[in-house]
Protein backbone atom coordinates (compact mmCIF):
# COMPACT_ATOMS: atom_id res chain seq x y z
CA MET A 1 0.00 0.00 0.00
CA LYS A 2 2.83 2.41 0.81
CA SER A 3 4.26 2.12 -2.69
CA LEU A 4 0.84 2.82 -4.29
CA VAL A 5 0.30 5.86 -2.07
CA THR A 6 3.79 7.13 -2.89
CA GLU A 7 3.25 6.63 -6.61
CA TYR A 8 -0.27 8.08 -6.93
CA VAL A 9 -0.32 10.54 -3.96
CA PRO A 10 -4.06 10.49 -3.23
CA GLY A 11 -5.58 13.27 -1.16
CA VAL A 12 -6.77 10.75 1.42
CA VAL A 13 -6.65 7.00 2.07
CA LEU A 14 -9.80 5.36 3.46
CA LEU A 15 -9.32 2.22 5.55
CA PRO A 16 -12.47 0.15 6.16
CA GLY A 17 -13.31 -1.58 9.41
CA ASP A 18 -11.99 -4.98 10.47
CA LEU A 19 -8.36 -3.94 10.01
CA THR A 20 -7.18 -6.27 12.76
CA HIS A 21 -9.54 -9.20 12.17
CA LEU A 22 -6.96 -11.64 10.83
CA GLY A 23 -4.35 -11.02 13.51
CA LEU A 24 -2.40 -8.42 11.56
CA GLY A 25 -3.36 -5.65 13.94
CA LYS A 26 -0.02 -4.02 14.53
CA GLU A 27 0.76 -3.92 10.82
CA ALA A 28 -2.67 -2.52 9.94
CA LEU A 29 -2.53 0.08 12.70
CA ALA A 30 0.90 1.17 11.49
CA LEU A 31 -0.82 2.42 8.31
CA LEU A 32 -2.59 5.05 10.41
CA HIS A 33 0.79 6.61 11.22
CA SER A 34 3.13 5.74 8.39
CA LEU A 35 1.45 6.82 5.16
CA PRO A 36 2.53 10.22 3.82
CA VAL A 37 -1.08 11.35 3.25
CA ARG A 38 -4.18 11.83 5.39
CA VAL A 39 -5.62 8.47 6.52
CA LEU A 40 -9.23 8.01 7.60
CA ALA A 41 -10.47 4.79 9.16
CA VAL A 42 -13.38 3.39 11.09
CA PRO A 43 -13.27 0.45 13.50
CA GLY A 44 -15.19 -2.64 12.44
CA ASN A 45 -17.14 -5.16 14.48
CA MET A 46 -14.35 -7.73 14.07
CA ASP A 47 -11.46 -5.47 15.11
CA ALA A 48 -9.55 -6.47 18.22
CA ALA A 49 -10.48 -4.54 21.36
CA PHE A 50 -6.99 -3.03 21.68
CA ALA A 51 -7.29 -1.59 18.18
CA VAL A 52 -10.70 0.06 18.37
CA GLY A 53 -9.47 3.02 20.44
CA GLU A 54 -6.41 3.51 18.26
CA ILE A 55 -8.46 3.46 15.06
CA GLY A 56 -11.00 5.84 16.56
CA ARG A 57 -8.34 8.31 17.75
CA HIS A 58 -6.33 8.39 14.55
CA GLY A 59 -8.84 7.37 11.90
CA GLY A 60 -11.36 10.06 12.72
CA LEU A 61 -14.51 8.56 11.19
CA GLY A 62 -16.24 7.42 14.36
CA ARG A 63 -17.28 10.92 15.36
CA THR A 64 -20.64 12.63 15.06
CA GLU A 65 -19.46 15.33 12.67
CA PRO A 66 -18.02 14.44 9.28
CA VAL A 67 -14.37 15.01 8.41
CA VAL A 68 -14.19 17.46 5.50
CA ILE A 69 -11.21 17.34 3.14
CA ASP A 70 -11.15 19.64 0.12
CA GLY A 71 -14.92 20.17 0.42
CA ILE A 72 -15.76 16.46 0.53
CA SER A 73 -17.43 15.04 3.66
CA PHE A 74 -16.35 11.67 5.04
CA GLY A 75 -18.15 9.90 7.85
CA GLY A 76 -20.71 11.44 10.05
CA PRO A 77 -23.31 10.11 10.68
CA ARG A 78 -24.63 13.60 10.06
CA GLN A 79 -24.05 15.00 6.60
CA ARG A 80 -23.29 18.68 6.35
CA GLU A 81 -26.23 20.59 4.97
CA GLY A 82 -25.85 21.08 1.23
CA ASP A 83 -23.51 18.13 0.60
CA LEU A 84 -26.12 16.17 -1.32
CA ASP A 85 -27.49 19.29 -3.02
CA GLU A 86 -24.12 19.82 -4.69
CA LEU A 87 -24.42 16.44 -6.43
CA GLY A 88 -27.42 17.63 -8.40
């Protein structure tokens, strides 16, 4: 993943839940800190208990308000007013 991020330089990387489900928790959590771009993540129902807090603190998508990057809302659950109106 690091090589793809370095090559394409996306504005943000989204990591889905269940990052630690298969026992690769430390490696998956390292992505939250080691990628050279903004990383957003949400804990999943299969993530290890030790990882849920770390994902929530650094991933940022478990909050009430969305994270807005370059005018695009991620997470929520509340959408910012007007977000859907802009889509037409």
